[in-house]
Amino acid sequence: MSEEVVVYLRTSTEDQDPENQKKHCLEFCKKQLGTTTPEPEVIKEKQTAWNRARKRPKLENLLEKARKGEIDHIVVWDFDRLYRLRKRTVKIVKEMAARGVEIHSVNQQWLEQIHNAPSPWDEILYDLMLQIIGWIGEEESRKRSKRVKAAYQRKKDKTSWGRKEKEIDLEKVHRLREEGKSFSEIAKELDQPKSTIHHKYKKHKK
């Protein structure tokens, strides 16, 4: 009897395309698990893997089927596609293993080679490396979160996301206007956009 293989793809933002993940996962299924036809079921879900409280209905449904013995192999592109929370990822992988369900990561294929080590080192090394992979995923997510929050705060404080805007000497602008110079001439002299000069001048004059 053939074994049931399911591919799980998770993307966290609208601009991520899971098709590249899908291609690599299906290649893994064919080469490493020997799947031919029909093609394994592919489950796609757009959701963050960091927030444990947020519902992941498709993943939970997949795991429930695995608990019932309806699935033998779950293939993901990377272990962080399950969760970026290390403890949660390790818990899922170990629970599935205890139920005879193997979770395979395309990006961490080398991890499966540890099973060739003599017992009990195979289990010890596998658990250790899985913990390390989970820790790396958590750190990457924390750093990304900090960058996003910092960028949001800069935007909130009305500072520039890119190059810092040059200060405009409004006193000089007023002086040049009194000398009869046009906004175009002033903008050229101060190396600033005409619209910016005009806007700040009017605002300052009020």
Protein backbone atom coordinates (compact mmCIF):
# COMPACT_ATOMS: atom_id res chain seq x y z
CA MET A 1 0.00 0.00 0.00
CA SER A 2 1.38 3.42 -0.99
CA GLU A 3 2.07 5.99 1.71
CA GLU A 4 0.14 9.25 1.88
CA VAL A 5 2.31 12.33 1.29
CA VAL A 6 1.11 15.93 1.76
CA VAL A 7 3.01 19.15 1.00
CA TYR A 8 2.36 22.12 3.31
CA LEU A 9 3.26 25.61 2.06
CA ARG A 10 3.04 28.68 4.27
CA THR A 11 3.68 32.27 3.27
CA SER A 12 3.38 35.14 5.72
CA THR A 13 2.80 38.14 3.45
CA GLU A 14 0.89 38.90 0.28
CA ASP A 15 4.07 39.52 -1.71
CA GLN A 16 5.46 36.02 -1.12
CA ASP A 17 4.83 33.52 -3.91
CA PRO A 18 4.64 29.88 -2.75
CA GLU A 19 5.13 28.49 -6.26
CA ASN A 20 8.91 28.36 -5.87
CA GLN A 21 8.49 26.47 -2.58
CA LYS A 22 6.00 24.13 -4.25
CA LYS A 23 8.41 23.25 -7.06
CA HIS A 24 11.22 22.28 -4.67
CA CYS A 25 8.88 20.33 -2.39
CA LEU A 26 7.44 18.29 -5.25
CA GLU A 27 10.95 17.54 -6.53
CA PHE A 28 11.85 16.30 -3.04
CA CYS A 29 8.75 14.09 -2.94
CA LYS A 30 9.68 12.50 -6.25
CA LYS A 31 13.39 12.00 -5.59
CA GLN A 32 13.43 11.23 -1.86
CA LEU A 33 10.01 9.68 -1.22
CA GLY A 34 9.47 8.06 -4.60
CA THR A 35 6.12 9.67 -5.35
CA THR A 36 5.04 9.49 -8.97
CA THR A 37 1.34 9.79 -9.73
CA PRO A 38 -0.98 11.11 -8.58
CA GLU A 39 0.88 14.23 -7.45
CA PRO A 40 0.89 14.75 -3.64
CA GLU A 41 -1.75 17.05 -2.22
CA VAL A 42 -0.46 20.60 -1.78
CA ILE A 43 -1.91 22.74 1.03
CA LYS A 44 -1.27 26.49 0.88
CA GLU A 45 -1.80 28.89 3.77
CA LYS A 46 -1.03 32.60 4.14
CA GLN A 47 -0.44 33.23 7.80
CA THR A 48 2.25 34.32 10.24
CA ALA A 49 4.13 31.51 11.98
CA TRP A 50 5.23 33.71 14.89
CA ASN A 51 1.93 34.30 16.67
CA ARG A 52 0.94 31.06 18.39
CA ALA A 53 -2.47 32.44 19.32
CA ARG A 54 -3.43 33.14 15.70
CA LYS A 55 -5.41 30.31 14.14
CA ARG A 56 -3.83 28.17 11.41
CA PRO A 57 -6.90 26.16 10.28
CA LYS A 58 -5.23 24.40 7.35
CA LEU A 59 -2.20 23.34 9.38
CA GLU A 60 -4.34 22.17 12.29
CA ASN A 61 -6.56 20.18 9.94
CA LEU A 62 -3.45 18.60 8.38
CA LEU A 63 -2.05 17.61 11.78
CA GLU A 64 -5.39 16.20 12.87
CA LYS A 65 -5.46 13.95 9.78
CA ALA A 66 -1.92 12.84 10.60
CA ARG A 67 -3.01 12.00 14.17
CA LYS A 68 -5.77 9.81 12.74
CA GLY A 69 -3.24 7.89 10.66
CA GLU A 70 -4.41 9.32 7.33
CA ILE A 71 -1.01 10.85 6.48
CA ASP A 72 2.46 9.28 6.53
CA HIS A 73 4.71 12.14 5.36
CA ILE A 74 4.44 15.93 5.60
CA VAL A 75 6.84 17.89 3.40
CA VAL A 76 7.66 21.57 4.06
CA TRP A 77 10.10 23.90 2.37
CA ASP A 78 11.70 24.82 5.70
CA PHE A 79 10.94 23.94 9.31
CA ASP A 80 10.12 27.60 9.98
CA ARG A 81 7.13 27.13 7.64
CA LEU A 82 5.53 25.28 10.55
CA TYR A 83 6.32 27.80 13.30
CA ARG A 84 9.09 30.26 14.07
CA LEU A 85 8.58 29.45 17.72
CA ARG A 86 11.28 26.89 18.47
CA LYS A 87 9.40 24.98 21.17
CA ARG A 88 6.26 24.78 19.04
CA THR A 89 8.16 23.47 16.00
CA VAL A 90 10.04 20.87 18.03
CA LYS A 91 6.82 19.76 19.74
CA ILE A 92 5.04 19.19 16.42
CA VAL A 93 7.94 17.30 14.82
CA LYS A 94 8.42 15.06 17.87
CA GLU A 95 4.69 14.40 18.26
CA MET A 96 4.36 13.40 14.62
CA ALA A 97 7.44 11.18 14.86
CA ALA A 98 5.93 9.41 17.87
CA ARG A 99 2.83 8.71 15.77
CA GLY A 100 4.90 7.36 12.89
CA VAL A 101 4.49 10.47 10.74
CA GLU A 102 7.66 11.95 9.26
CA ILE A 103 8.01 15.70 8.65
CA HIS A 104 10.58 16.44 5.95
CA SER A 105 12.22 19.83 5.34
CA VAL A 106 13.59 20.50 1.86
CA ASN A 107 16.00 23.14 3.19
CA GLN A 108 17.26 20.88 5.98
CA GLN A 109 17.56 17.57 4.12
CA TRP A 110 20.93 17.00 5.78
CA LEU A 111 19.11 16.62 9.10
CA GLU A 112 17.67 13.29 7.96
CA GLN A 113 21.16 11.84 7.57
CA ILE A 114 21.44 11.90 11.36
CA HIS A 115 19.06 8.93 11.44
CA ASN A 116 21.96 6.83 10.12
CA ALA A 117 23.89 7.41 13.36
CA PRO A 118 23.84 4.57 15.92
CA SER A 119 21.23 4.66 18.69
CA PRO A 120 20.81 6.60 20.96
CA TRP A 121 22.98 9.22 19.22
CA ASP A 122 20.56 9.47 16.30
CA GLU A 123 17.76 10.76 18.54
CA ILE A 124 20.07 12.94 20.66
CA LEU A 125 21.71 14.61 17.65
CA TYR A 126 18.44 15.02 15.77
CA ASP A 127 16.79 16.72 18.74
CA LEU A 128 19.81 18.98 19.29
CA MET A 129 19.98 20.09 15.65
CA LEU A 130 16.23 20.63 15.52
CA GLN A 131 16.50 22.89 18.57
CA ILE A 132 19.29 24.87 16.89
CA ILE A 133 17.31 25.25 13.65
CA GLY A 134 14.33 26.48 15.67
CA TRP A 135 16.48 28.94 17.59
CA ILE A 136 17.89 30.38 14.34
CA GLY A 137 14.35 30.79 12.99
CA GLU A 138 13.29 32.65 16.13
CA GLU A 139 16.30 34.99 15.97
CA GLU A 140 15.70 35.80 12.30
CA SER A 141 12.06 36.55 13.02
CA ARG A 142 12.92 38.79 16.01
CA LYS A 143 15.41 40.79 13.94
CA ARG A 144 12.91 41.19 11.13
CA SER A 145 10.23 42.28 13.59
CA LYS A 146 12.56 44.88 15.11
CA ARG A 147 13.38 46.30 11.67
CA VAL A 148 9.71 46.55 10.76
CA LYS A 149 8.82 48.22 14.08
CA ALA A 150 11.70 50.68 13.75
CA ALA A 151 10.66 51.56 10.21
CA TYR A 152 7.05 52.02 11.32
CA GLN A 153 8.13 54.28 14.18
CA ARG A 154 10.18 56.43 11.80
CA LYS A 155 7.15 56.76 9.57
CA LYS A 156 4.96 57.56 12.56
CA ASP A 157 7.39 60.26 13.68
CA LYS A 158 7.24 61.68 10.15
CA THR A 159 10.88 61.04 9.48
CA SER A 160 12.11 59.85 6.15
CA TRP A 161 12.30 56.13 5.33
CA GLY A 162 15.11 56.83 2.94
CA ARG A 163 17.57 59.68 2.69
CA LYS A 164 17.10 62.30 5.39
CA GLU A 165 15.47 65.47 4.07
CA LYS A 166 17.77 68.48 3.92
CA GLU A 167 16.90 71.36 6.22
CA ILE A 168 15.69 74.53 4.53
CA ASP A 169 16.91 77.90 5.77
CA LEU A 170 13.57 79.70 5.78
CA GLU A 171 15.11 83.01 6.84
CA LYS A 172 17.25 82.89 3.72
CA VAL A 173 14.22 82.04 1.62
CA HIS A 174 12.40 85.12 2.95
CA ARG A 175 15.45 87.26 2.33
CA LEU A 176 15.79 86.07 -1.25
CA ARG A 177 12.09 86.67 -1.86
CA GLU A 178 12.49 90.22 -0.57
CA GLU A 179 15.31 90.63 -3.04
CA GLY A 180 12.83 89.81 -5.79
CA LYS A 181 13.96 86.29 -6.63
CA SER A 182 11.43 83.76 -7.87
CA PHE A 183 10.78 80.40 -6.23
CA SER A 184 12.46 78.70 -9.17
CA GLU A 185 15.63 80.72 -8.64
CA ILE A 186 15.58 80.11 -4.89
CA ALA A 187 15.04 76.37 -5.39
CA LYS A 188 18.02 76.23 -7.71
CA GLU A 189 20.23 78.16 -5.31
CA LEU A 190 19.26 76.02 -2.30
CA ASP A 191 19.23 72.78 -4.30
CA GLN A 192 15.69 71.98 -3.20
CA PRO A 193 12.46 71.18 -5.10
CA LYS A 194 10.49 74.29 -5.99
CA SER A 195 7.29 72.80 -4.56
CA THR A 196 8.99 72.16 -1.19
CA ILE A 197 10.34 75.70 -1.02
CA HIS A 198 6.96 77.18 -1.89
CA HIS A 199 5.07 75.00 0.60
CA LYS A 200 7.39 75.72 3.54
CA TYR A 201 7.52 79.42 2.70
CA LYS A 202 3.74 79.78 2.75
CA LYS A 203 3.45 77.70 5.94
CA HIS A 204 6.12 79.74 7.71
CA LYS A 205 4.63 83.05 6.59
CA LYS A 206 1.24 82.31 8.18
